Amino acid sequence: MTLIVAIDGPSGAGKSTVAKALAERLAVPYIDTGAMYRAVGLAVRDAGHALPLRDPDEVVGIANAMQIELVPDPRGARVVADGRDVTDAIREPDISLYASAVSAIPGVRRRLVSEQQRLGRARGGVMEGRDIGTRVFPDAPFKFFLTAPPSVRALRRALELARRGRPEPYEKVLSEMEKRDRDDATRADSPLTLDSSYILLDTEGLTPEGVVDELAKRVAGEPRRSSPPG
């Protein structure tokens, strides 16, 4: 029996922090699907491709050739791409835009969705991203959509970058976040969206611990069932 908890939402809504803590609380793996798109985005940037991406076939080729591993770690997970630890590199500010760009390419999504479904079927876990409950595991027994106003999410991201020693002006972070929101919501393949099967939670004014408590309560309050093959 594998438990799948889907956590979707826009950038900066607190998905990663909450998903890591919830996975620990539930004693299941944490699977950061967004990190996989970031790893492809990093590889595409490092291969010399500038935005906007003009050769989707080459980008798909890069994605198909990559081996991406999510390695359990006390911090949540390390991301290893082709044997290289890219956990920190994929959090560089411009990689958010690359991740959004590559995620709009159907061939990239097919490659990564297939891998995400394989991981979920094999291990279960708390999976966070932007299409877990709509595309990767649409019949997951627990589906949450975390959100917050762009200004709140941008401030969180700016503070995170400052903690990592890579400060960026708040205005720049906000502008890039709003662009990514537009790109994610309007892409033709698996846009960021939600339906009535989700539980919607605005995280503004809530602590991460408070959000985790609410999600864990929801999971505990329902009978667990195995997730379908996907």
Protein backbone atom coordinates (compact mmCIF):
# COMPACT_ATOMS: atom_id res chain seq x y z
CA MET A 1 0.00 0.00 0.00
CA THR A 2 1.55 3.29 -1.08
CA LEU A 3 0.30 6.61 0.22
CA ILE A 4 0.43 9.56 -2.18
CA VAL A 5 -0.11 13.08 -0.88
CA ALA A 6 -0.13 15.70 -3.64
CA ILE A 7 0.84 19.28 -2.83
CA ASP A 8 0.53 21.74 -5.69
CA GLY A 9 0.71 25.51 -5.91
CA PRO A 10 2.65 28.46 -7.30
CA SER A 11 6.27 29.33 -6.58
CA GLY A 12 6.91 30.61 -3.05
CA ALA A 13 3.70 29.26 -1.54
CA GLY A 14 5.68 27.20 0.97
CA LYS A 15 5.29 23.84 -0.76
CA SER A 16 8.85 22.60 -0.24
CA THR A 17 9.08 23.48 3.45
CA VAL A 18 5.65 22.03 4.18
CA ALA A 19 6.10 18.91 2.04
CA LYS A 20 9.42 18.02 3.69
CA ALA A 21 7.97 18.37 7.18
CA LEU A 22 4.76 16.55 6.30
CA ALA A 23 6.70 13.64 4.78
CA GLU A 24 8.73 13.39 7.97
CA ARG A 25 5.57 13.54 10.07
CA LEU A 26 3.96 10.76 8.00
CA ALA A 27 7.19 8.73 7.74
CA VAL A 28 7.03 8.59 3.93
CA PRO A 29 9.46 9.80 1.23
CA TYR A 30 9.55 13.43 0.13
CA ILE A 31 9.55 13.85 -3.66
CA ASP A 32 10.28 17.35 -5.00
CA THR A 33 9.12 17.16 -8.61
CA GLY A 34 9.87 20.84 -9.16
CA ALA A 35 13.53 20.11 -8.45
CA MET A 36 13.52 17.74 -11.41
CA TYR A 37 12.41 20.53 -13.77
CA ARG A 38 14.99 22.81 -12.20
CA ALA A 39 17.69 20.20 -12.84
CA VAL A 40 16.73 20.08 -16.52
CA GLY A 41 16.62 23.89 -16.62
CA LEU A 42 20.11 24.06 -15.13
CA ALA A 43 21.43 21.56 -17.68
CA VAL A 44 19.85 23.53 -20.52
CA ARG A 45 21.34 26.80 -19.29
CA ASP A 46 24.75 25.22 -18.80
CA ALA A 47 24.56 23.82 -22.34
CA GLY A 48 24.48 27.42 -23.57
CA HIS A 49 20.78 27.89 -24.30
CA ALA A 50 19.43 31.38 -23.63
CA LEU A 51 15.84 32.34 -22.84
CA PRO A 52 13.47 32.20 -24.61
CA LEU A 53 14.25 28.63 -25.61
CA ARG A 54 14.20 28.28 -29.38
CA ASP A 55 15.02 24.61 -29.91
CA PRO A 56 12.56 22.44 -27.96
CA ASP A 57 13.77 19.24 -29.62
CA GLU A 58 17.27 19.79 -28.30
CA VAL A 59 15.89 20.54 -24.84
CA VAL A 60 13.90 17.28 -24.92
CA GLY A 61 17.08 15.48 -25.96
CA ILE A 62 18.90 16.90 -22.94
CA ALA A 63 16.06 15.84 -20.62
CA ASN A 64 15.87 12.34 -22.07
CA ALA A 65 19.62 11.84 -21.71
CA MET A 66 19.73 12.95 -18.07
CA GLN A 67 19.72 10.74 -15.03
CA ILE A 68 18.10 12.62 -12.13
CA GLU A 69 18.12 11.17 -8.64
CA LEU A 70 16.38 12.43 -5.52
CA VAL A 71 18.58 11.19 -2.67
CA PRO A 72 17.12 11.15 0.87
CA ASP A 73 18.84 13.63 3.15
CA PRO A 74 18.15 15.09 6.62
CA ARG A 75 17.35 18.40 4.87
CA GLY A 76 14.70 16.71 2.71
CA ALA A 77 16.47 15.45 -0.40
CA ARG A 78 19.58 16.03 -2.45
CA VAL A 79 19.24 16.39 -6.19
CA VAL A 80 21.87 14.57 -8.22
CA ALA A 81 21.97 15.03 -12.01
CA ASP A 82 24.29 12.77 -13.98
CA GLY A 83 26.32 12.12 -10.86
CA ARG A 84 26.64 15.81 -9.89
CA ASP A 85 25.04 17.20 -6.75
CA VAL A 86 23.01 20.19 -8.00
CA THR A 87 20.93 20.72 -4.85
CA ASP A 88 22.17 24.29 -4.38
CA ALA A 89 22.79 25.16 -8.04
CA ILE A 90 19.16 24.60 -9.03
CA ARG A 91 18.10 27.28 -6.55
CA GLU A 92 19.92 30.06 -8.38
CA PRO A 93 17.41 32.83 -9.22
CA ASP A 94 17.51 32.46 -13.02
CA ILE A 95 16.89 28.71 -12.83
CA SER A 96 13.28 29.40 -11.82
CA LEU A 97 12.71 30.92 -15.25
CA TYR A 98 14.53 28.09 -16.99
CA ALA A 99 12.46 25.55 -15.05
CA SER A 100 9.26 27.25 -16.14
CA ALA A 101 10.46 27.33 -19.76
CA VAL A 102 11.42 23.66 -19.95
CA SER A 103 8.26 22.59 -18.12
CA ALA A 104 6.19 24.10 -20.96
CA ILE A 105 7.73 21.64 -23.46
CA PRO A 106 5.51 18.52 -23.79
CA GLY A 107 8.41 16.15 -24.39
CA VAL A 108 10.12 17.25 -21.18
CA ARG A 109 6.92 16.85 -19.21
CA ARG A 110 6.33 13.35 -20.60
CA ARG A 111 9.85 12.31 -19.58
CA LEU A 112 9.63 13.69 -16.05
CA VAL A 113 5.99 12.77 -15.36
CA SER A 114 6.82 9.17 -16.23
CA GLU A 115 9.73 9.21 -13.77
CA GLN A 116 7.60 10.85 -11.06
CA GLN A 117 4.90 8.22 -11.47
CA ARG A 118 7.53 5.49 -11.21
CA LEU A 119 8.85 6.96 -7.95
CA GLY A 120 5.36 7.35 -6.53
CA ARG A 121 4.29 3.82 -7.41
CA ALA A 122 7.49 2.38 -5.96
CA ARG A 123 7.69 4.29 -2.70
CA GLY A 124 4.65 6.49 -2.22
CA GLY A 125 5.32 9.79 -0.50
CA VAL A 126 4.52 13.47 -0.30
CA MET A 127 4.94 14.85 -3.81
CA GLU A 128 5.07 18.58 -4.44
CA GLY A 129 4.97 20.48 -7.69
CA ARG A 130 2.50 22.17 -9.99
CA ASP A 131 0.59 19.30 -11.58
CA ILE A 132 0.81 16.41 -9.12
CA GLY A 133 -2.91 16.23 -8.48
CA THR A 134 -3.97 17.05 -12.04
CA ARG A 135 -1.48 15.10 -14.17
CA VAL A 136 0.96 12.93 -12.23
CA PHE A 137 -1.44 11.31 -9.74
CA PRO A 138 -4.92 12.77 -10.45
CA ASP A 139 -6.55 10.12 -8.23
CA ALA A 140 -4.26 10.66 -5.24
CA PRO A 141 -6.31 10.27 -2.06
CA PHE A 142 -5.04 13.57 -0.62
CA LYS A 143 -4.62 16.68 -2.77
CA PHE A 144 -3.70 20.10 -1.38
CA PHE A 145 -3.20 23.40 -3.20
CA LEU A 146 -1.12 25.94 -1.28
CA THR A 147 -1.18 29.58 -2.30
CA ALA A 148 -0.50 33.13 -1.05
CA PRO A 149 -0.49 36.61 -2.62
CA PRO A 150 2.47 37.26 -4.98
CA SER A 151 3.86 39.95 -2.65
CA VAL A 152 4.01 37.48 0.24
CA ARG A 153 5.55 34.74 -1.86
CA ALA A 154 8.15 37.10 -3.33
CA LEU A 155 9.18 38.29 0.13
CA ARG A 156 9.61 34.69 1.26
CA ARG A 157 11.77 33.91 -1.76
CA ALA A 158 13.88 37.07 -1.32
CA LEU A 159 14.52 36.14 2.32
CA GLU A 160 15.41 32.58 1.30
CA LEU A 161 17.91 33.85 -1.28
CA ALA A 162 19.45 36.17 1.31
CA ARG A 163 19.86 33.25 3.72
CA ARG A 164 21.62 31.32 0.98
CA GLY A 165 24.03 34.20 0.46
CA ARG A 166 22.55 35.12 -2.93
CA PRO A 167 20.51 38.26 -2.21
CA GLU A 168 18.29 39.69 -4.94
CA PRO A 169 16.21 42.91 -4.86
CA TYR A 170 12.64 42.27 -3.77
CA GLU A 171 11.27 44.04 -6.86
CA LYS A 172 13.25 41.75 -9.17
CA VAL A 173 12.12 38.64 -7.29
CA LEU A 174 8.50 39.80 -7.45
CA SER A 175 8.70 40.56 -11.18
CA GLU A 176 10.21 37.16 -11.97
CA MET A 177 7.67 35.40 -9.76
CA GLU A 178 4.74 37.13 -11.47
CA LYS A 179 6.17 36.13 -14.85
CA ARG A 180 6.52 32.53 -13.75
CA ASP A 181 2.96 32.57 -12.43
CA ARG A 182 1.74 33.71 -15.85
CA ASP A 183 3.85 31.16 -17.69
CA ASP A 184 2.78 28.30 -15.42
CA ALA A 185 -0.90 29.20 -15.62
CA THR A 186 -1.03 29.71 -19.40
CA ARG A 187 1.17 26.92 -20.77
CA ALA A 188 -0.68 24.56 -23.09
CA ASP A 189 0.54 21.34 -21.46
CA SER A 190 -0.52 20.76 -17.84
CA PRO A 191 -1.01 24.37 -16.71
CA LEU A 192 -1.00 25.22 -13.02
CA THR A 193 -4.61 24.85 -11.94
CA LEU A 194 -6.87 23.23 -9.37
CA ASP A 195 -10.33 21.74 -9.25
CA SER A 196 -12.87 20.72 -6.63
CA SER A 197 -10.87 17.61 -5.71
CA TYR A 198 -8.25 19.81 -4.00
CA ILE A 199 -8.23 21.29 -0.53
CA LEU A 200 -7.21 24.95 -1.00
CA LEU A 201 -5.12 26.59 1.72
CA ASP A 202 -3.88 30.19 1.72
CA THR A 203 -0.63 30.17 3.69
CA GLU A 204 -0.42 33.95 4.27
CA GLY A 205 -0.06 34.59 7.97
CA LEU A 206 0.41 30.89 8.79
CA THR A 207 3.60 29.34 10.10
CA PRO A 208 4.97 26.28 8.27
CA GLU A 209 4.24 24.25 11.39
CA GLY A 210 0.65 25.41 11.35
CA VAL A 211 0.22 24.40 7.70
CA VAL A 212 1.77 20.98 8.37
CA ASP A 213 -0.54 20.47 11.35
CA GLU A 214 -3.57 21.27 9.18
CA LEU A 215 -2.51 18.92 6.36
CA ALA A 216 -1.57 16.10 8.73
CA LYS A 217 -4.94 16.47 10.44
CA ARG A 218 -6.70 16.15 7.09
CA VAL A 219 -4.71 13.03 6.16
CA ALA A 220 -5.31 11.43 9.58
CA GLY A 221 -9.01 12.15 9.35
CA GLU A 222 -9.55 10.05 6.23
CA PRO A 223 -9.06 6.33 5.64
CA ARG A 224 -5.83 5.74 3.76
CA ARG A 225 -6.05 3.90 0.49
CA SER A 226 -3.46 2.92 -2.03
CA SER A 227 -2.86 5.28 -4.92
CA PRO A 228 -3.74 3.95 -8.38
CA PRO A 229 -0.97 3.09 -10.83
CA GLY A 230 -1.10 6.56 -12.42
